[in-house]
Amino acid sequence: MLGSAFRALDVSPQFDAVLLFELNPSRALELDDELQQRYPGRGIRVVSGDCNKQVVPALSRLHPDFRFAARSRS
């Protein structure tokens, strides 16, 4: 069964950036390594910690021109 990370990365059209949050620090590193190998160059970042505390700082590190809305790539 696919987890939410793989579901997010397997959609079409693809997301420009994917931020994932993992409470367990060692699992966050493992997940990041696994996803970087499986989806090279995809703008994936796994953030270690509670997503409720980490989401605002993580979003603030995105590029200033980043759009928070989906768009079609036709």
PDB file of N, CA and C in Angstrom:
ATOM      1  N   MET A   1       0.844  -1.183   0.000  1.00  0.00           N
ATOM      2  CA  MET A   1       0.000   0.000   0.000  1.00  0.00           C
ATOM      3  C   MET A   1       0.891   1.249   0.000  1.00  0.00           C
ATOM      4  N   LEU A   2       0.570   2.199  -0.851  1.00  0.00           N
ATOM      5  CA  LEU A   2       1.346   3.432  -0.937  1.00  0.00           C
ATOM      6  C   LEU A   2       1.027   4.364   0.217  1.00  0.00           C
ATOM      7  N   GLY A   3       2.071   4.988   0.751  1.00  0.00           N
ATOM      8  CA  GLY A   3       1.883   6.001   1.774  1.00  0.00           C
ATOM      9  C   GLY A   3       1.574   7.340   1.125  1.00  0.00           C
ATOM     10  N   SER A   4       1.257   8.327   1.949  1.00  0.00           N
ATOM     11  CA  SER A   4       0.866   9.636   1.435  1.00  0.00           C
ATOM     12  C   SER A   4       1.980  10.303   0.634  1.00  0.00           C
ATOM     13  N   ALA A   5       3.237  10.089   1.013  1.00  0.00           N
ATOM     14  CA  ALA A   5       4.351  10.689   0.270  1.00  0.00           C
ATOM     15  C   ALA A   5       4.372  10.182  -1.166  1.00  0.00           C
ATOM     16  N   PHE A   6       4.248   8.877  -1.328  1.00  0.00           N
ATOM     17  CA  PHE A   6       4.277   8.299  -2.670  1.00  0.00           C
ATOM     18  C   PHE A   6       3.040   8.682  -3.472  1.00  0.00           C
ATOM     19  N   ARG A   7       1.913   8.783  -2.822  1.00  0.00           N
ATOM     20  CA  ARG A   7       0.693   9.214  -3.515  1.00  0.00           C
ATOM     21  C   ARG A   7       0.863  10.644  -4.037  1.00  0.00           C
ATOM     22  N   ALA A   8       1.413  11.521  -3.214  1.00  0.00           N
ATOM     23  CA  ALA A   8       1.618  12.913  -3.626  1.00  0.00           C
ATOM     24  C   ALA A   8       2.601  13.011  -4.788  1.00  0.00           C
ATOM     25  N   LEU A   9       3.603  12.150  -4.794  1.00  0.00           N
ATOM     26  CA  LEU A   9       4.624  12.219  -5.831  1.00  0.00           C
ATOM     27  C   LEU A   9       4.236  11.505  -7.123  1.00  0.00           C
ATOM     28  N   ASP A  10       3.217  10.687  -7.067  1.00  0.00           N
ATOM     29  CA  ASP A  10       2.799   9.946  -8.254  1.00  0.00           C
ATOM     30  C   ASP A  10       1.612  10.569  -8.988  1.00  0.00           C
ATOM     31  N   VAL A  11       1.135  11.733  -8.552  1.00  0.00           N
ATOM     32  CA  VAL A  11       0.005  12.361  -9.233  1.00  0.00           C
ATOM     33  C   VAL A  11       0.447  13.029 -10.533  1.00  0.00           C
ATOM     34  N   SER A  12      -0.514  13.248 -11.394  1.00  0.00           N
ATOM     35  CA  SER A  12      -0.255  13.958 -12.631  1.00  0.00           C
ATOM     36  C   SER A  12      -1.346  15.003 -12.801  1.00  0.00           C
ATOM     37  N   PRO A  13      -1.015  16.250 -13.059  1.00  0.00           N
ATOM     38  CA  PRO A  13       0.328  16.781 -13.203  1.00  0.00           C
ATOM     39  C   PRO A  13       1.069  16.790 -11.866  1.00  0.00           C
ATOM     40  N   GLN A  14       2.392  16.799 -11.962  1.00  0.00           N
ATOM     41  CA  GLN A  14       3.240  16.751 -10.772  1.00  0.00           C
ATOM     42  C   GLN A  14       3.219  18.061 -10.004  1.00  0.00           C
ATOM     43  N   PHE A  15       3.427  17.941  -8.698  1.00  0.00           N
ATOM     44  CA  PHE A  15       3.635  19.122  -7.873  1.00  0.00           C
ATOM     45  C   PHE A  15       5.016  19.699  -8.176  1.00  0.00           C
ATOM     46  N   ASP A  16       5.156  21.027  -8.103  1.00  0.00           N
ATOM     47  CA  ASP A  16       6.462  21.667  -8.290  1.00  0.00           C
ATOM     48  C   ASP A  16       7.373  21.428  -7.102  1.00  0.00           C
ATOM     49  N   ALA A  17       6.791  21.388  -5.929  1.00  0.00           N
ATOM     50  CA  ALA A  17       7.547  21.163  -4.696  1.00  0.00           C
ATOM     51  C   ALA A  17       6.687  20.327  -3.765  1.00  0.00           C
ATOM     52  N   VAL A  18       7.329  19.468  -3.004  1.00  0.00           N
ATOM     53  CA  VAL A  18       6.608  18.633  -2.052  1.00  0.00           C
ATOM     54  C   VAL A  18       7.326  18.726  -0.710  1.00  0.00           C
ATOM     55  N   LEU A  19       6.625  19.240   0.282  1.00  0.00           N
ATOM     56  CA  LEU A  19       7.132  19.284   1.651  1.00  0.00           C
ATOM     57  C   LEU A  19       6.424  18.193   2.439  1.00  0.00           C
ATOM     58  N   LEU A  20       7.205  17.346   3.066  1.00  0.00           N
ATOM     59  CA  LEU A  20       6.648  16.276   3.883  1.00  0.00           C
ATOM     60  C   LEU A  20       7.172  16.436   5.296  1.00  0.00           C
ATOM     61  N   PHE A  21       6.388  16.038   6.247  1.00  0.00           N
ATOM     62  CA  PHE A  21       6.760  16.185   7.653  1.00  0.00           C
ATOM     63  C   PHE A  21       6.738  14.821   8.322  1.00  0.00           C
ATOM     64  N   GLU A  22       7.792  14.542   9.083  1.00  0.00           N
ATOM     65  CA  GLU A  22       7.913  13.276   9.797  1.00  0.00           C
ATOM     66  C   GLU A  22       8.369  13.564  11.214  1.00  0.00           C
ATOM     67  N   LEU A  23       7.600  13.089  12.173  1.00  0.00           N
ATOM     68  CA  LEU A  23       7.897  13.336  13.578  1.00  0.00           C
ATOM     69  C   LEU A  23       9.200  12.682  14.025  1.00  0.00           C
ATOM     70  N   ASN A  24       9.457  11.472  13.560  1.00  0.00           N
ATOM     71  CA  ASN A  24      10.638  10.709  13.965  1.00  0.00           C
ATOM     72  C   ASN A  24      11.852  11.160  13.143  1.00  0.00           C
ATOM     73  N   PRO A  25      12.878  11.752  13.787  1.00  0.00           N
ATOM     74  CA  PRO A  25      14.027  12.293  13.041  1.00  0.00           C
ATOM     75  C   PRO A  25      14.762  11.249  12.189  1.00  0.00           C
ATOM     76  N   SER A  26      14.959  10.041  12.713  1.00  0.00           N
ATOM     77  CA  SER A  26      15.680   9.041  11.920  1.00  0.00           C
ATOM     78  C   SER A  26      14.829   8.575  10.737  1.00  0.00           C
ATOM     79  N   ARG A  27      13.534   8.466  10.927  1.00  0.00           N
ATOM     80  CA  ARG A  27      12.651   8.092   9.813  1.00  0.00           C
ATOM     81  C   ARG A  27      12.597   9.208   8.774  1.00  0.00           C
ATOM     82  N   ALA A  28      12.660  10.464   9.217  1.00  0.00           N
ATOM     83  CA  ALA A  28      12.671  11.590   8.276  1.00  0.00           C
ATOM     84  C   ALA A  28      13.882  11.502   7.352  1.00  0.00           C
ATOM     85  N   LEU A  29      15.052  11.185   7.909  1.00  0.00           N
ATOM     86  CA  LEU A  29      16.257  11.044   7.084  1.00  0.00           C
ATOM     87  C   LEU A  29      16.135   9.871   6.117  1.00  0.00           C
ATOM     88  N   GLU A  30      15.618   8.748   6.598  1.00  0.00           N
ATOM     89  CA  GLU A  30      15.424   7.570   5.740  1.00  0.00           C
ATOM     90  C   GLU A  30      14.451   7.875   4.606  1.00  0.00           C
ATOM     91  N   LEU A  31      13.351   8.511   4.941  1.00  0.00           N
ATOM     92  CA  LEU A  31      12.341   8.844   3.939  1.00  0.00           C
ATOM     93  C   LEU A  31      12.901   9.808   2.906  1.00  0.00           C
ATOM     94  N   ASP A  32      13.634  10.814   3.358  1.00  0.00           N
ATOM     95  CA  ASP A  32      14.232  11.772   2.442  1.00  0.00           C
ATOM     96  C   ASP A  32      15.188  11.065   1.483  1.00  0.00           C
ATOM     97  N   ASP A  33      16.054  10.202   2.009  1.00  0.00           N
ATOM     98  CA  ASP A  33      16.988   9.458   1.152  1.00  0.00           C
ATOM     99  C   ASP A  33      16.241   8.608   0.130  1.00  0.00           C
ATOM    100  N   GLU A  34      15.233   7.888   0.597  1.00  0.00           N
ATOM    101  CA  GLU A  34      14.464   7.011  -0.289  1.00  0.00           C
ATOM    102  C   GLU A  34      13.770   7.801  -1.397  1.00  0.00           C
ATOM    103  N   LEU A  35      13.160   8.923  -1.028  1.00  0.00           N
ATOM    104  CA  LEU A  35      12.438   9.721  -2.025  1.00  0.00           C
ATOM    105  C   LEU A  35      13.376  10.413  -3.000  1.00  0.00           C
ATOM    106  N   GLN A  36      14.526  10.881  -2.528  1.00  0.00           N
ATOM    107  CA  GLN A  36      15.504  11.527  -3.413  1.00  0.00           C
ATOM    108  C   GLN A  36      16.002  10.530  -4.462  1.00  0.00           C
ATOM    109  N   GLN A  37      16.184   9.267  -4.053  1.00  0.00           N
ATOM    110  CA  GLN A  37      16.639   8.239  -5.000  1.00  0.00           C
ATOM    111  C   GLN A  37      15.536   7.859  -5.988  1.00  0.00           C
ATOM    112  N   ARG A  38      14.321   7.733  -5.481  1.00  0.00           N
ATOM    113  CA  ARG A  38      13.205   7.299  -6.325  1.00  0.00           C
ATOM    114  C   ARG A  38      12.707   8.407  -7.249  1.00  0.00           C
ATOM    115  N   TYR A  39      12.791   9.662  -6.806  1.00  0.00           N
ATOM    116  CA  TYR A  39      12.291  10.810  -7.573  1.00  0.00           C
ATOM    117  C   TYR A  39      13.373  11.897  -7.668  1.00  0.00           C
ATOM    118  N   PRO A  40      14.477  11.636  -8.370  1.00  0.00           N
ATOM    119  CA  PRO A  40      15.568  12.625  -8.425  1.00  0.00           C
ATOM    120  C   PRO A  40      15.131  13.940  -9.085  1.00  0.00           C
ATOM    121  N   GLY A  41      15.599  15.048  -8.519  1.00  0.00           N
ATOM    122  CA  GLY A  41      15.340  16.362  -9.088  1.00  0.00           C
ATOM    123  C   GLY A  41      13.915  16.861  -8.964  1.00  0.00           C
ATOM    124  N   ARG A  42      13.133  16.330  -8.046  1.00  0.00           N
ATOM    125  CA  ARG A  42      11.714  16.664  -7.961  1.00  0.00           C
ATOM    126  C   ARG A  42      11.361  17.746  -6.937  1.00  0.00           C
ATOM    127  N   GLY A  43      12.299  18.340  -6.254  1.00  0.00           N
ATOM    128  CA  GLY A  43      11.952  19.391  -5.296  1.00  0.00           C
ATOM    129  C   GLY A  43      11.270  18.859  -4.052  1.00  0.00           C
ATOM    130  N   ILE A  44      11.751  17.732  -3.572  1.00  0.00           N
ATOM    131  CA  ILE A  44      11.177  17.091  -2.385  1.00  0.00           C
ATOM    132  C   ILE A  44      11.986  17.484  -1.162  1.00  0.00           C
ATOM    133  N   ARG A  45      11.285  17.763  -0.091  1.00  0.00           N
ATOM    134  CA  ARG A  45      11.966  18.057   1.181  1.00  0.00           C
ATOM    135  C   ARG A  45      11.184  17.408   2.308  1.00  0.00           C
ATOM    136  N   VAL A  46      11.883  16.609   3.113  1.00  0.00           N
ATOM    137  CA  VAL A  46      11.273  15.995   4.281  1.00  0.00           C
ATOM    138  C   VAL A  46      11.747  16.777   5.502  1.00  0.00           C
ATOM    139  N   VAL A  47      10.815  17.342   6.228  1.00  0.00           N
ATOM    140  CA  VAL A  47      11.101  18.153   7.407  1.00  0.00           C
ATOM    141  C   VAL A  47      10.878  17.297   8.651  1.00  0.00           C
ATOM    142  N   SER A  48      11.868  17.285   9.510  1.00  0.00           N
ATOM    143  CA  SER A  48      11.766  16.527  10.754  1.00  0.00           C
ATOM    144  C   SER A  48      11.067  17.374  11.812  1.00  0.00           C
ATOM    145  N   GLY A  49      10.069  16.790  12.463  1.00  0.00           N
ATOM    146  CA  GLY A  49       9.387  17.495  13.544  1.00  0.00           C
ATOM    147  C   GLY A  49       7.882  17.511  13.358  1.00  0.00           C
ATOM    148  N   ASP A  50       7.225  18.116  14.306  1.00  0.00           N
ATOM    149  CA  ASP A  50       5.770  18.235  14.324  1.00  0.00           C
ATOM    150  C   ASP A  50       5.337  19.203  13.223  1.00  0.00           C
ATOM    151  N   CYS A  51       4.508  18.738  12.300  1.00  0.00           N
ATOM    152  CA  CYS A  51       4.098  19.593  11.182  1.00  0.00           C
ATOM    153  C   CYS A  51       3.371  20.842  11.649  1.00  0.00           C
ATOM    154  N   ASN A  52       2.661  20.757  12.755  1.00  0.00           N
ATOM    155  CA  ASN A  52       1.948  21.930  13.261  1.00  0.00           C
ATOM    156  C   ASN A  52       2.908  23.032  13.693  1.00  0.00           C
ATOM    157  N   LYS A  53       4.112  22.658  14.087  1.00  0.00           N
ATOM    158  CA  LYS A  53       5.120  23.641  14.497  1.00  0.00           C
ATOM    159  C   LYS A  53       6.070  23.991  13.365  1.00  0.00           C
ATOM    160  N   GLN A  54       6.225  23.103  12.390  1.00  0.00           N
ATOM    161  CA  GLN A  54       7.230  23.282  11.345  1.00  0.00           C
ATOM    162  C   GLN A  54       6.693  23.824  10.019  1.00  0.00           C
ATOM    163  N   VAL A  55       5.382  23.820   9.824  1.00  0.00           N
ATOM    164  CA  VAL A  55       4.837  24.183   8.515  1.00  0.00           C
ATOM    165  C   VAL A  55       5.103  25.650   8.148  1.00  0.00           C
ATOM    166  N   VAL A  56       4.936  26.569   9.056  1.00  0.00           N
ATOM    167  CA  VAL A  56       5.160  27.986   8.720  1.00  0.00           C
ATOM    168  C   VAL A  56       6.628  28.252   8.396  1.00  0.00           C
ATOM    169  N   PRO A  57       7.589  27.811   9.233  1.00  0.00           N
ATOM    170  CA  PRO A  57       8.995  28.015   8.857  1.00  0.00           C
ATOM    171  C   PRO A  57       9.358  27.313   7.542  1.00  0.00           C
ATOM    172  N   ALA A  58       8.820  26.112   7.308  1.00  0.00           N
ATOM    173  CA  ALA A  58       9.136  25.386   6.073  1.00  0.00           C
ATOM    174  C   ALA A  58       8.599  26.129   4.852  1.00  0.00           C
ATOM    175  N   LEU A  59       7.384  26.624   4.922  1.00  0.00           N
ATOM    176  CA  LEU A  59       6.805  27.366   3.797  1.00  0.00           C
ATOM    177  C   LEU A  59       7.527  28.684   3.553  1.00  0.00           C
ATOM    178  N   SER A  60       8.018  29.306   4.596  1.00  0.00           N
ATOM    179  CA  SER A  60       8.713  30.589   4.439  1.00  0.00           C
ATOM    180  C   SER A  60      10.055  30.423   3.728  1.00  0.00           C
ATOM    181  N   ARG A  61      10.578  29.190   3.667  1.00  0.00           N
ATOM    182  CA  ARG A  61      11.848  28.952   2.974  1.00  0.00           C
ATOM    183  C   ARG A  61      11.669  28.650   1.487  1.00  0.00           C
ATOM    184  N   LEU A  62      10.437  28.598   1.010  1.00  0.00           N
ATOM    185  CA  LEU A  62      10.210  28.397  -0.417  1.00  0.00           C
ATOM    186  C   LEU A  62      10.585  29.655  -1.185  1.00  0.00           C
ATOM    187  N   HIS A  63      10.842  29.504  -2.459  1.00  0.00           N
ATOM    188  CA  HIS A  63      11.193  30.636  -3.319  1.00  0.00           C
ATOM    189  C   HIS A  63      10.079  31.683  -3.264  1.00  0.00           C
ATOM    190  N   PRO A  64      10.426  32.969  -3.234  1.00  0.00           N
ATOM    191  CA  PRO A  64       9.401  34.024  -3.122  1.00  0.00           C
ATOM    192  C   PRO A  64       8.368  34.016  -4.241  1.00  0.00           C
ATOM    193  N   ASP A  65       8.711  33.499  -5.419  1.00  0.00           N
ATOM    194  CA  ASP A  65       7.775  33.472  -6.541  1.00  0.00           C
ATOM    195  C   ASP A  65       6.953  32.184  -6.585  1.00  0.00           C
ATOM    196  N   PHE A  66       7.105  31.350  -5.582  1.00  0.00           N
ATOM    197  CA  PHE A  66       6.397  30.072  -5.567  1.00  0.00           C
ATOM    198  C   PHE A  66       4.900  30.302  -5.479  1.00  0.00           C
ATOM    199  N   ARG A  67       4.139  29.580  -6.314  1.00  0.00           N
ATOM    200  CA  ARG A  67       2.673  29.662  -6.310  1.00  0.00           C
ATOM    201  C   ARG A  67       2.115  28.526  -5.480  1.00  0.00           C
ATOM    202  N   PHE A  68       1.142  28.805  -4.638  1.00  0.00           N
ATOM    203  CA  PHE A  68       0.548  27.799  -3.794  1.00  0.00           C
ATOM    204  C   PHE A  68      -0.718  27.200  -4.408  1.00  0.00           C
ATOM    205  N   ALA A  69      -0.847  27.265  -5.722  1.00  0.00           N
ATOM    206  CA  ALA A  69      -2.012  26.725  -6.402  1.00  0.00           C
ATOM    207  C   ALA A  69      -1.560  25.784  -7.505  1.00  0.00           C
ATOM    208  N   ALA A  70      -2.354  24.801  -7.784  1.00  0.00           N
ATOM    209  CA  ALA A  70      -2.049  23.861  -8.860  1.00  0.00           C
ATOM    210  C   ALA A  70      -2.258  24.539 -10.206  1.00  0.00           C
ATOM    211  N   ARG A  71      -1.550  24.065 -11.196  1.00  0.00           N
ATOM    212  CA  ARG A  71      -1.735  24.572 -12.536  1.00  0.00           C
ATOM    213  C   ARG A  71      -1.542  23.435 -13.537  1.00  0.00           C
ATOM    214  N   SER A  72      -2.186  23.530 -14.636  1.00  0.00           N
ATOM    215  CA  SER A  72      -2.107  22.495 -15.662  1.00  0.00           C
ATOM    216  C   SER A  72      -0.830  22.701 -16.466  1.00  0.00           C
ATOM    217  N   ARG A  73      -0.229  21.607 -16.872  1.00  0.00           N
ATOM    218  CA  ARG A  73       0.988  21.662 -17.699  1.00  0.00           C
ATOM    219  C   ARG A  73       0.693  21.098 -19.076  1.00  0.00           C
ATOM    220  N   SER A  74      -0.213  21.685 -19.785  1.00  0.00           N
ATOM    221  CA  SER A  74      -0.564  21.162 -21.117  1.00  0.00           C
ATOM    222  C   SER A  74       0.364  21.686 -22.182  1.00  0.00           C
TER     223      SER A  74
END
